[in-house]
Each structure stands twice: as structure tokens, then as C-alpha cells.
Amino acid sequence: MHYVRLLATYVRVGVLNEFQYRANFWVNLFQAVLTLGMSLGGLAVVFQHTDTVAGWQPLELVALVGVYYIMAGFIGAVIQPSMELFLQDIRQGTLDFVLTKPVDSQLLVSIRRVSIWGFVTIVLGGIVLGIALVGFGSRVTLWQVGAFVLALTAGAVIVYSFWLILATFAFWFVKIENILVIFDSMYQAGRWPVTIYPPFLRAILTFLVPIAFAVTVPAEAAVGRLTTVTLFGALLLAVALFGAARWFWQFGVRHYSGASA
């Protein structure tokens, strides 16, 4: 409960900071709706010329777009702002103030900056996903719902762990921001299922940059395409990658000399 209250505090601070400029709410909302509309418009254009894309039906791809925006909102709300602040602290030497606080340093670094605009994207993605699932009607089963929750949670843990591992390299290297920008660019590929890409690119988006586990796997669960083996593999990867990220973070902190060195 202590950590929940801590997260709630940072969310409240983020809301107060953002609402200093209330016009930003409408600008960001318009931008999010416009981007989402362009994604759905692209699907409409594609399905004017074909009935399926790599075996995916129109409603299934709409569901995938919804999952894509849910995960993008999670990244934009918590992960990216907090990791950018962490990199800034490394450069300016202010990370010392974080490490000396009486709370787990990894947790504090991961939630210190919260952007409410990311939650707007999450809501929009949830609406799109809900519309797609309503279109499936009675074909949506409890197994799909449970598998989707597990797969989405696993995807969020995998993405967070991946970002944390990349950001932790800042203890030794300076220009880590460039790597994070590359991830953001590659994440755009998640608008489509990874099965449409050539084998070498599919392998990159699955094992090197985990876009498949962040978007495609949860979307497969939502539409009933996910196998038990794949779900189990995603859960194992989430646990393993989180453990690796935790170990690497502690290793990096031990080798951090501090601003006074």
C-alpha cells in the first residue's frame, strides 16, 4: 500500500503540473484522436483491396490497433517520462538525491514522472478494442478475457523491463537517448501483426525489440488466436526479463560513482 500511495502521489503531481496549461488537454486530445483516426483510416484503405492481411480479419486488426494504443499510452504515461528524467539526472548529477531516499530506487526512478496524456491514449485504445470485441459478439469467451489480461500484463512488464535495461546503460554511456528514440520508431511497426513482416524482421521484432509480445500477442489473446504455449512463453519471458532488468539495475547502481566523485 505504501508503493500504491507513492504512485498516486506522483500521478497527482503530474496532473497538477499538466493542468497549469489547460489548453494542452484539448490539443493533446485532438492529436491523439487524429492519430488514431489515421490508423483506422489506413486499415479501411487496405481492406478495400483485400479481405484478410496475413490471415487477420478486419475486426481482428481493429482490436490490434486498440491494443497498440493501450500499450503506447502506458509507455507515454509512465515509462518514457520517468526514464527520460532518469537520464537527465545522470547527466546533471541529481540522481544522488533519488538514491538516498528511503524507498526502492528502481521503483522511484520508474514512476517519478507521470504524463496524464498517456492515459488519454490508453482510454482511446480501450474504446477501439471494446468496439472490436462488441463486433465479435458471443464469440468472446472468458478464456479470451483471462488470456488477454495475462498477455497484456506480460507485455507491459516486458516493455518496462526492456526500457529499464536500456536506460541503465546510462551509468556507463552518455547517448542512451538515441537508443530509446530508435525503440520508439520501431514500435510503430506494432500497428500491424508481426506475422506480416519477413522472417528476419519478424525475429527482430520478437526477440531483439519485443514488439510482438507488447502488441501482437495480447491482440491474439483478445481475438481468440493465441495458443496456450505462446501465452505461457510470454509469461516466462516477462518473469525472466524483469529479473534480468532488476539485476542489471542493481549492478548499475553499485557502479555509479555519484555526482561528488
C-alpha atoms as a PDB file:
ATOM      1  CA  MET A   1       0.000   0.000   0.000  1.00  0.00           C
ATOM      2  CA  HIS A   2       2.937   2.316   0.616  1.00  0.00           C
ATOM      3  CA  TYR A   3       4.038   1.959  -3.006  1.00  0.00           C
ATOM      4  CA  VAL A   4       0.469   2.460  -4.247  1.00  0.00           C
ATOM      5  CA  ARG A   5       0.209   5.711  -2.283  1.00  0.00           C
ATOM      6  CA  LEU A   6       3.587   6.771  -3.679  1.00  0.00           C
ATOM      7  CA  LEU A   7       2.418   6.150  -7.235  1.00  0.00           C
ATOM      8  CA  ALA A   8      -0.843   8.006  -6.533  1.00  0.00           C
ATOM      9  CA  THR A   9       1.183  10.971  -5.282  1.00  0.00           C
ATOM     10  CA  TYR A  10       3.229  11.168  -8.467  1.00  0.00           C
ATOM     11  CA  VAL A  11       0.074  10.836 -10.585  1.00  0.00           C
ATOM     12  CA  ARG A  12      -1.486  13.724  -8.655  1.00  0.00           C
ATOM     13  CA  VAL A  13       1.652  15.831  -9.113  1.00  0.00           C
ATOM     14  CA  GLY A  14       1.640  15.012 -12.837  1.00  0.00           C
ATOM     15  CA  VAL A  15      -1.976  16.093 -13.145  1.00  0.00           C
ATOM     16  CA  LEU A  16      -1.305  19.367 -11.324  1.00  0.00           C
ATOM     17  CA  ASN A  17       1.731  20.104 -13.493  1.00  0.00           C
ATOM     18  CA  GLU A  18      -0.077  19.397 -16.751  1.00  0.00           C
ATOM     19  CA  PHE A  19      -3.162  21.394 -15.863  1.00  0.00           C
ATOM     20  CA  GLN A  20      -1.136  24.546 -15.433  1.00  0.00           C
ATOM     21  CA  TYR A  21      -1.668  24.786 -19.197  1.00  0.00           C
ATOM     22  CA  ARG A  22      -5.208  23.536 -19.683  1.00  0.00           C
ATOM     23  CA  ALA A  23      -5.282  24.220 -23.398  1.00  0.00           C
ATOM     24  CA  ASN A  24      -2.768  21.379 -23.716  1.00  0.00           C
ATOM     25  CA  PHE A  25      -5.522  18.933 -22.799  1.00  0.00           C
ATOM     26  CA  TRP A  26      -7.564  19.762 -25.882  1.00  0.00           C
ATOM     27  CA  VAL A  27      -4.502  19.936 -28.132  1.00  0.00           C
ATOM     28  CA  ASN A  28      -3.249  16.527 -26.979  1.00  0.00           C
ATOM     29  CA  LEU A  29      -6.731  15.022 -27.153  1.00  0.00           C
ATOM     30  CA  PHE A  30      -7.154  16.275 -30.717  1.00  0.00           C
ATOM     31  CA  GLN A  31      -3.735  14.938 -31.671  1.00  0.00           C
ATOM     32  CA  ALA A  32      -4.469  11.531 -30.152  1.00  0.00           C
ATOM     33  CA  VAL A  33      -7.857  11.267 -31.868  1.00  0.00           C
ATOM     34  CA  LEU A  34      -6.363  12.385 -35.185  1.00  0.00           C
ATOM     35  CA  THR A  35      -3.553   9.816 -34.971  1.00  0.00           C
ATOM     36  CA  LEU A  36      -5.989   7.062 -34.085  1.00  0.00           C
ATOM     37  CA  GLY A  37      -8.288   8.089 -36.936  1.00  0.00           C
ATOM     38  CA  MET A  38      -5.396   7.917 -39.395  1.00  0.00           C
ATOM     39  CA  SER A  39      -4.521   4.404 -38.199  1.00  0.00           C
ATOM     40  CA  LEU A  40      -8.097   3.198 -38.637  1.00  0.00           C
ATOM     41  CA  GLY A  41      -8.314   5.005 -41.970  1.00  0.00           C
ATOM     42  CA  GLY A  42      -5.232   3.122 -43.128  1.00  0.00           C
ATOM     43  CA  LEU A  43      -6.939  -0.155 -42.261  1.00  0.00           C
ATOM     44  CA  ALA A  44     -10.016   0.895 -44.204  1.00  0.00           C
ATOM     45  CA  VAL A  45      -7.904   1.598 -47.291  1.00  0.00           C
ATOM     46  CA  VAL A  46      -6.140  -1.761 -47.040  1.00  0.00           C
ATOM     47  CA  PHE A  47      -9.388  -3.720 -46.692  1.00  0.00           C
ATOM     48  CA  GLN A  48     -10.833  -2.061 -49.758  1.00  0.00           C
ATOM     49  CA  HIS A  49      -8.401  -4.236 -51.712  1.00  0.00           C
ATOM     50  CA  THR A  50      -8.268  -7.449 -49.672  1.00  0.00           C
ATOM     51  CA  ASP A  51     -10.344  -9.450 -47.211  1.00  0.00           C
ATOM     52  CA  THR A  52      -7.524 -10.512 -44.886  1.00  0.00           C
ATOM     53  CA  VAL A  53      -3.977  -9.451 -44.005  1.00  0.00           C
ATOM     54  CA  ALA A  54      -1.756 -12.410 -43.105  1.00  0.00           C
ATOM     55  CA  GLY A  55      -4.906 -14.252 -42.031  1.00  0.00           C
ATOM     56  CA  TRP A  56      -6.201 -11.387 -39.861  1.00  0.00           C
ATOM     57  CA  GLN A  57      -9.798 -10.251 -40.398  1.00  0.00           C
ATOM     58  CA  PRO A  58     -10.775  -6.532 -40.293  1.00  0.00           C
ATOM     59  CA  LEU A  59     -12.208  -6.634 -36.757  1.00  0.00           C
ATOM     60  CA  GLU A  60      -9.162  -8.521 -35.532  1.00  0.00           C
ATOM     61  CA  LEU A  61      -6.864  -5.810 -36.846  1.00  0.00           C
ATOM     62  CA  VAL A  62      -9.065  -3.131 -35.274  1.00  0.00           C
ATOM     63  CA  ALA A  63      -8.585  -4.944 -31.964  1.00  0.00           C
ATOM     64  CA  LEU A  64      -4.827  -4.983 -32.575  1.00  0.00           C
ATOM     65  CA  VAL A  65      -4.860  -1.212 -33.167  1.00  0.00           C
ATOM     66  CA  GLY A  66      -6.671  -0.821 -29.851  1.00  0.00           C
ATOM     67  CA  VAL A  67      -4.024  -2.878 -28.045  1.00  0.00           C
ATOM     68  CA  TYR A  68      -1.295  -0.895 -29.807  1.00  0.00           C
ATOM     69  CA  TYR A  69      -2.657   2.373 -28.413  1.00  0.00           C
ATOM     70  CA  ILE A  70      -3.219   0.935 -24.939  1.00  0.00           C
ATOM     71  CA  MET A  71       0.433  -0.099 -24.754  1.00  0.00           C
ATOM     72  CA  ALA A  72       1.599   3.166 -26.354  1.00  0.00           C
ATOM     73  CA  GLY A  73      -0.376   5.048 -23.711  1.00  0.00           C
ATOM     74  CA  PHE A  74       1.259   3.030 -20.935  1.00  0.00           C
ATOM     75  CA  ILE A  75       4.694   3.831 -22.349  1.00  0.00           C
ATOM     76  CA  GLY A  76       3.864   7.509 -22.806  1.00  0.00           C
ATOM     77  CA  ALA A  77       2.201   7.883 -19.397  1.00  0.00           C
ATOM     78  CA  VAL A  78       4.797   6.339 -17.113  1.00  0.00           C
ATOM     79  CA  ILE A  79       7.764   4.579 -18.710  1.00  0.00           C
ATOM     80  CA  GLN A  80       9.107   7.135 -21.170  1.00  0.00           C
ATOM     81  CA  PRO A  81       8.711  10.275 -18.982  1.00  0.00           C
ATOM     82  CA  SER A  82      10.319   8.579 -15.980  1.00  0.00           C
ATOM     83  CA  MET A  83      13.205   7.108 -17.961  1.00  0.00           C
ATOM     84  CA  GLU A  84      13.888  10.457 -19.641  1.00  0.00           C
ATOM     85  CA  LEU A  85      14.024  12.093 -16.211  1.00  0.00           C
ATOM     86  CA  PHE A  86      16.403   9.369 -15.033  1.00  0.00           C
ATOM     87  CA  LEU A  87      18.763  10.035 -17.956  1.00  0.00           C
ATOM     88  CA  GLN A  88      18.596  13.743 -17.185  1.00  0.00           C
ATOM     89  CA  ASP A  89      19.522  13.060 -13.560  1.00  0.00           C
ATOM     90  CA  ILE A  90      22.529  11.028 -14.674  1.00  0.00           C
ATOM     91  CA  ARG A  91      23.817  13.918 -16.805  1.00  0.00           C
ATOM     92  CA  GLN A  92      23.182  16.601 -14.181  1.00  0.00           C
ATOM     93  CA  GLY A  93      24.329  14.567 -11.184  1.00  0.00           C
ATOM     94  CA  THR A  94      20.978  14.833  -9.410  1.00  0.00           C
ATOM     95  CA  LEU A  95      20.417  11.081  -9.260  1.00  0.00           C
ATOM     96  CA  ASP A  96      22.139  11.152  -5.867  1.00  0.00           C
ATOM     97  CA  PHE A  97      19.004  12.700  -4.374  1.00  0.00           C
ATOM     98  CA  VAL A  98      16.957   9.761  -5.656  1.00  0.00           C
ATOM     99  CA  LEU A  99      19.294   7.020  -4.474  1.00  0.00           C
ATOM    100  CA  THR A 100      19.453   8.413  -0.936  1.00  0.00           C
ATOM    101  CA  LYS A 101      15.680   8.399  -0.411  1.00  0.00           C
ATOM    102  CA  PRO A 102      14.256   5.656   1.889  1.00  0.00           C
ATOM    103  CA  VAL A 103      12.457   3.782  -0.879  1.00  0.00           C
ATOM    104  CA  ASP A 104      13.434   1.263  -3.546  1.00  0.00           C
ATOM    105  CA  SER A 105      15.463   3.234  -6.090  1.00  0.00           C
ATOM    106  CA  GLN A 106      14.246   1.252  -9.113  1.00  0.00           C
ATOM    107  CA  LEU A 107      10.624   1.872  -8.208  1.00  0.00           C
ATOM    108  CA  LEU A 108      11.234   5.563  -7.586  1.00  0.00           C
ATOM    109  CA  VAL A 109      13.087   6.028 -10.872  1.00  0.00           C
ATOM    110  CA  SER A 110      10.281   4.203 -12.708  1.00  0.00           C
ATOM    111  CA  ILE A 111       7.342   6.331 -11.501  1.00  0.00           C
ATOM    112  CA  ARG A 112       8.743   9.792 -10.725  1.00  0.00           C
ATOM    113  CA  ARG A 113       7.253  11.496 -13.758  1.00  0.00           C
ATOM    114  CA  VAL A 114       3.724  10.688 -14.925  1.00  0.00           C
ATOM    115  CA  SER A 115       2.150  12.220 -18.032  1.00  0.00           C
ATOM    116  CA  ILE A 116      -1.643  12.238 -17.966  1.00  0.00           C
ATOM    117  CA  TRP A 117      -1.778  12.498 -21.769  1.00  0.00           C
ATOM    118  CA  GLY A 118      -0.680   8.883 -21.966  1.00  0.00           C
ATOM    119  CA  PHE A 119      -3.811   7.897 -20.072  1.00  0.00           C
ATOM    120  CA  VAL A 120      -5.891   9.619 -22.757  1.00  0.00           C
ATOM    121  CA  THR A 121      -4.277   7.321 -25.321  1.00  0.00           C
ATOM    122  CA  ILE A 122      -4.999   4.307 -23.105  1.00  0.00           C
ATOM    123  CA  VAL A 123      -8.685   5.258 -22.912  1.00  0.00           C
ATOM    124  CA  LEU A 124      -8.927   5.739 -26.689  1.00  0.00           C
ATOM    125  CA  GLY A 125      -7.223   2.396 -27.294  1.00  0.00           C
ATOM    126  CA  GLY A 126      -9.602   0.731 -24.850  1.00  0.00           C
ATOM    127  CA  ILE A 127     -12.600   2.199 -26.689  1.00  0.00           C
ATOM    128  CA  VAL A 128     -11.339   0.889 -30.040  1.00  0.00           C
ATOM    129  CA  LEU A 129     -10.648  -2.543 -28.545  1.00  0.00           C
ATOM    130  CA  GLY A 130     -14.106  -2.585 -26.954  1.00  0.00           C
ATOM    131  CA  ILE A 131     -15.784  -1.727 -30.258  1.00  0.00           C
ATOM    132  CA  ALA A 132     -13.922  -4.570 -31.963  1.00  0.00           C
ATOM    133  CA  LEU A 133     -14.885  -7.070 -29.256  1.00  0.00           C
ATOM    134  CA  VAL A 134     -18.536  -5.978 -29.410  1.00  0.00           C
ATOM    135  CA  GLY A 135     -18.358  -6.774 -33.116  1.00  0.00           C
ATOM    136  CA  PHE A 136     -17.305 -10.329 -32.239  1.00  0.00           C
ATOM    137  CA  GLY A 137     -20.376 -10.652 -30.006  1.00  0.00           C
ATOM    138  CA  SER A 138     -20.872 -14.009 -28.315  1.00  0.00           C
ATOM    139  CA  ARG A 139     -17.624 -15.339 -29.764  1.00  0.00           C
ATOM    140  CA  VAL A 140     -15.713 -13.617 -26.926  1.00  0.00           C
ATOM    141  CA  THR A 141     -15.163 -16.191 -24.159  1.00  0.00           C
ATOM    142  CA  LEU A 142     -13.940 -15.987 -20.575  1.00  0.00           C
ATOM    143  CA  TRP A 143     -10.754 -17.739 -21.702  1.00  0.00           C
ATOM    144  CA  GLN A 144     -10.083 -14.891 -24.148  1.00  0.00           C
ATOM    145  CA  VAL A 145     -10.641 -12.263 -21.471  1.00  0.00           C
ATOM    146  CA  GLY A 146      -8.366 -14.021 -18.985  1.00  0.00           C
ATOM    147  CA  ALA A 147      -5.694 -14.703 -21.598  1.00  0.00           C
ATOM    148  CA  PHE A 148      -5.844 -11.091 -22.759  1.00  0.00           C
ATOM    149  CA  VAL A 149      -5.350  -9.716 -19.240  1.00  0.00           C
ATOM    150  CA  LEU A 150      -2.395 -12.034 -18.672  1.00  0.00           C
ATOM    151  CA  ALA A 151      -0.846 -11.337 -22.082  1.00  0.00           C
ATOM    152  CA  LEU A 152      -1.279  -7.564 -21.748  1.00  0.00           C
ATOM    153  CA  THR A 153       0.253  -7.616 -18.278  1.00  0.00           C
ATOM    154  CA  ALA A 154       3.156  -9.731 -19.526  1.00  0.00           C
ATOM    155  CA  GLY A 155       3.622  -7.346 -22.461  1.00  0.00           C
ATOM    156  CA  ALA A 156       3.689  -4.319 -20.148  1.00  0.00           C
ATOM    157  CA  VAL A 157       6.282  -5.989 -17.895  1.00  0.00           C
ATOM    158  CA  ILE A 158       8.410  -6.946 -20.910  1.00  0.00           C
ATOM    159  CA  VAL A 159       8.334  -3.426 -22.347  1.00  0.00           C
ATOM    160  CA  TYR A 160       9.108  -1.853 -18.964  1.00  0.00           C
ATOM    161  CA  SER A 161      11.999  -4.253 -18.355  1.00  0.00           C
ATOM    162  CA  PHE A 162      13.375  -3.618 -21.835  1.00  0.00           C
ATOM    163  CA  TRP A 163      13.285   0.168 -21.306  1.00  0.00           C
ATOM    164  CA  LEU A 164      14.881  -0.149 -17.867  1.00  0.00           C
ATOM    165  CA  ILE A 165      17.743  -2.270 -19.225  1.00  0.00           C
ATOM    166  CA  LEU A 166      18.415   0.266 -21.983  1.00  0.00           C
ATOM    167  CA  ALA A 167      18.211   3.221 -19.579  1.00  0.00           C
ATOM    168  CA  THR A 168      20.559   1.536 -17.078  1.00  0.00           C
ATOM    169  CA  PHE A 169      23.331   1.669 -19.681  1.00  0.00           C
ATOM    170  CA  ALA A 170      23.407   5.410 -18.915  1.00  0.00           C
ATOM    171  CA  PHE A 171      25.614   4.570 -15.926  1.00  0.00           C
ATOM    172  CA  TRP A 172      28.387   3.860 -18.457  1.00  0.00           C
ATOM    173  CA  PHE A 173      27.361   5.596 -21.708  1.00  0.00           C
ATOM    174  CA  VAL A 174      26.148   9.110 -22.495  1.00  0.00           C
ATOM    175  CA  LYS A 175      23.928   8.988 -25.586  1.00  0.00           C
ATOM    176  CA  ILE A 176      21.373   6.418 -24.464  1.00  0.00           C
ATOM    177  CA  GLU A 177      18.548   8.720 -25.605  1.00  0.00           C
ATOM    178  CA  ASN A 178      19.336   7.789 -29.201  1.00  0.00           C
ATOM    179  CA  ILE A 179      18.641   4.113 -28.476  1.00  0.00           C
ATOM    180  CA  LEU A 180      15.318   4.972 -26.843  1.00  0.00           C
ATOM    181  CA  VAL A 181      14.340   7.013 -29.895  1.00  0.00           C
ATOM    182  CA  ILE A 182      15.111   4.003 -32.088  1.00  0.00           C
ATOM    183  CA  PHE A 183      12.798   1.882 -29.940  1.00  0.00           C
ATOM    184  CA  ASP A 184      10.051   4.461 -30.310  1.00  0.00           C
ATOM    185  CA  SER A 185      10.481   4.379 -34.090  1.00  0.00           C
ATOM    186  CA  MET A 186      10.437   0.584 -34.219  1.00  0.00           C
ATOM    187  CA  TYR A 187       7.341   0.489 -32.035  1.00  0.00           C
ATOM    188  CA  GLN A 188       5.425   1.969 -34.964  1.00  0.00           C
ATOM    189  CA  ALA A 189       5.727  -1.462 -36.596  1.00  0.00           C
ATOM    190  CA  GLY A 190       3.375  -2.741 -33.901  1.00  0.00           C
ATOM    191  CA  ARG A 191       0.407  -1.219 -35.739  1.00  0.00           C
ATOM    192  CA  TRP A 192       0.422  -4.434 -37.772  1.00  0.00           C
ATOM    193  CA  PRO A 193       0.799  -8.057 -36.638  1.00  0.00           C
ATOM    194  CA  VAL A 194       4.409  -9.209 -36.770  1.00  0.00           C
ATOM    195  CA  THR A 195       3.369 -12.145 -38.970  1.00  0.00           C
ATOM    196  CA  ILE A 196       3.103  -9.809 -41.983  1.00  0.00           C
ATOM    197  CA  TYR A 197       6.822  -9.000 -41.901  1.00  0.00           C
ATOM    198  CA  PRO A 198       9.683 -11.014 -43.484  1.00  0.00           C
ATOM    199  CA  PRO A 199      11.233 -13.683 -41.229  1.00  0.00           C
ATOM    200  CA  PHE A 200      14.360 -11.677 -40.348  1.00  0.00           C
ATOM    201  CA  LEU A 201      12.331  -8.588 -39.392  1.00  0.00           C
ATOM    202  CA  ARG A 202       9.825 -10.743 -37.528  1.00  0.00           C
ATOM    203  CA  ALA A 203      12.692 -12.192 -35.478  1.00  0.00           C
ATOM    204  CA  ILE A 204      13.968  -8.695 -34.666  1.00  0.00           C
ATOM    205  CA  LEU A 205      10.519  -7.511 -33.566  1.00  0.00           C
ATOM    206  CA  THR A 206      10.064 -10.605 -31.425  1.00  0.00           C
ATOM    207  CA  PHE A 207      13.406 -11.317 -29.776  1.00  0.00           C
ATOM    208  CA  LEU A 208      15.564  -8.190 -30.142  1.00  0.00           C
ATOM    209  CA  VAL A 209      12.900  -5.498 -29.705  1.00  0.00           C
ATOM    210  CA  PRO A 210       9.868  -7.164 -28.054  1.00  0.00           C
ATOM    211  CA  ILE A 211       7.135  -5.510 -30.135  1.00  0.00           C
ATOM    212  CA  ALA A 212       5.430  -8.863 -30.757  1.00  0.00           C
ATOM    213  CA  PHE A 213       4.976  -9.525 -27.039  1.00  0.00           C
ATOM    214  CA  ALA A 214       3.852  -5.953 -26.416  1.00  0.00           C
ATOM    215  CA  VAL A 215       1.127  -5.773 -29.082  1.00  0.00           C
ATOM    216  CA  THR A 216       0.611  -8.827 -31.289  1.00  0.00           C
ATOM    217  CA  VAL A 217       0.418 -11.438 -28.515  1.00  0.00           C
ATOM    218  CA  PRO A 218      -2.162  -9.523 -26.400  1.00  0.00           C
ATOM    219  CA  ALA A 219      -4.172  -8.810 -29.568  1.00  0.00           C
ATOM    220  CA  GLU A 220      -4.107 -12.510 -30.461  1.00  0.00           C
ATOM    221  CA  ALA A 221      -5.433 -13.267 -26.986  1.00  0.00           C
ATOM    222  CA  ALA A 222      -8.237 -10.714 -27.349  1.00  0.00           C
ATOM    223  CA  VAL A 223      -9.477 -12.160 -30.648  1.00  0.00           C
ATOM    224  CA  GLY A 224      -9.034 -15.825 -29.720  1.00  0.00           C
ATOM    225  CA  ARG A 225      -5.965 -16.575 -31.858  1.00  0.00           C
ATOM    226  CA  LEU A 226      -3.493 -17.099 -29.015  1.00  0.00           C
ATOM    227  CA  THR A 227      -2.261 -20.583 -28.134  1.00  0.00           C
ATOM    228  CA  THR A 228      -1.578 -21.723 -24.583  1.00  0.00           C
ATOM    229  CA  VAL A 229       2.075 -22.323 -25.450  1.00  0.00           C
ATOM    230  CA  THR A 230       2.558 -18.743 -26.655  1.00  0.00           C
ATOM    231  CA  LEU A 231       0.827 -17.322 -23.580  1.00  0.00           C
ATOM    232  CA  PHE A 232       2.979 -19.447 -21.294  1.00  0.00           C
ATOM    233  CA  GLY A 233       6.083 -18.339 -23.187  1.00  0.00           C
ATOM    234  CA  ALA A 234       5.115 -14.657 -22.818  1.00  0.00           C
ATOM    235  CA  LEU A 235       4.645 -15.068 -19.074  1.00  0.00           C
ATOM    236  CA  LEU A 236       8.001 -16.825 -18.708  1.00  0.00           C
ATOM    237  CA  LEU A 237       9.733 -14.133 -20.735  1.00  0.00           C
ATOM    238  CA  ALA A 238       8.133 -11.412 -18.610  1.00  0.00           C
ATOM    239  CA  VAL A 239       9.393 -13.002 -15.401  1.00  0.00           C
ATOM    240  CA  ALA A 240      12.873 -13.662 -16.826  1.00  0.00           C
ATOM    241  CA  LEU A 241      13.287 -10.206 -18.358  1.00  0.00           C
ATOM    242  CA  PHE A 242      12.051  -8.449 -15.211  1.00  0.00           C
ATOM    243  CA  GLY A 243      14.540 -10.457 -13.155  1.00  0.00           C
ATOM    244  CA  ALA A 244      17.331  -9.550 -15.587  1.00  0.00           C
ATOM    245  CA  ALA A 245      16.342  -5.868 -15.514  1.00  0.00           C
ATOM    246  CA  ARG A 246      16.275  -5.898 -11.703  1.00  0.00           C
ATOM    247  CA  TRP A 247      19.710  -7.496 -11.516  1.00  0.00           C
ATOM    248  CA  PHE A 248      21.181  -5.135 -14.122  1.00  0.00           C
ATOM    249  CA  TRP A 249      19.730  -2.095 -12.337  1.00  0.00           C
ATOM    250  CA  GLN A 250      21.312  -3.131  -9.024  1.00  0.00           C
ATOM    251  CA  PHE A 251      24.592  -3.837 -10.839  1.00  0.00           C
ATOM    252  CA  GLY A 252      24.494  -0.372 -12.398  1.00  0.00           C
ATOM    253  CA  VAL A 253      23.724   1.365  -9.104  1.00  0.00           C
ATOM    254  CA  ARG A 254      26.679  -0.375  -7.442  1.00  0.00           C
ATOM    255  CA  HIS A 255      28.948   1.003 -10.165  1.00  0.00           C
ATOM    256  CA  TYR A 256      27.507   4.526 -10.064  1.00  0.00           C
ATOM    257  CA  SER A 257      30.130   6.866  -8.622  1.00  0.00           C
ATOM    258  CA  GLY A 258      27.772   9.775  -7.916  1.00  0.00           C
ATOM    259  CA  ALA A 259      27.999  13.474  -8.686  1.00  0.00           C
ATOM    260  CA  SER A 260      30.539  14.127  -5.954  1.00  0.00           C
ATOM    261  CA  ALA A 261      33.110  11.646  -7.311  1.00  0.00           C
END
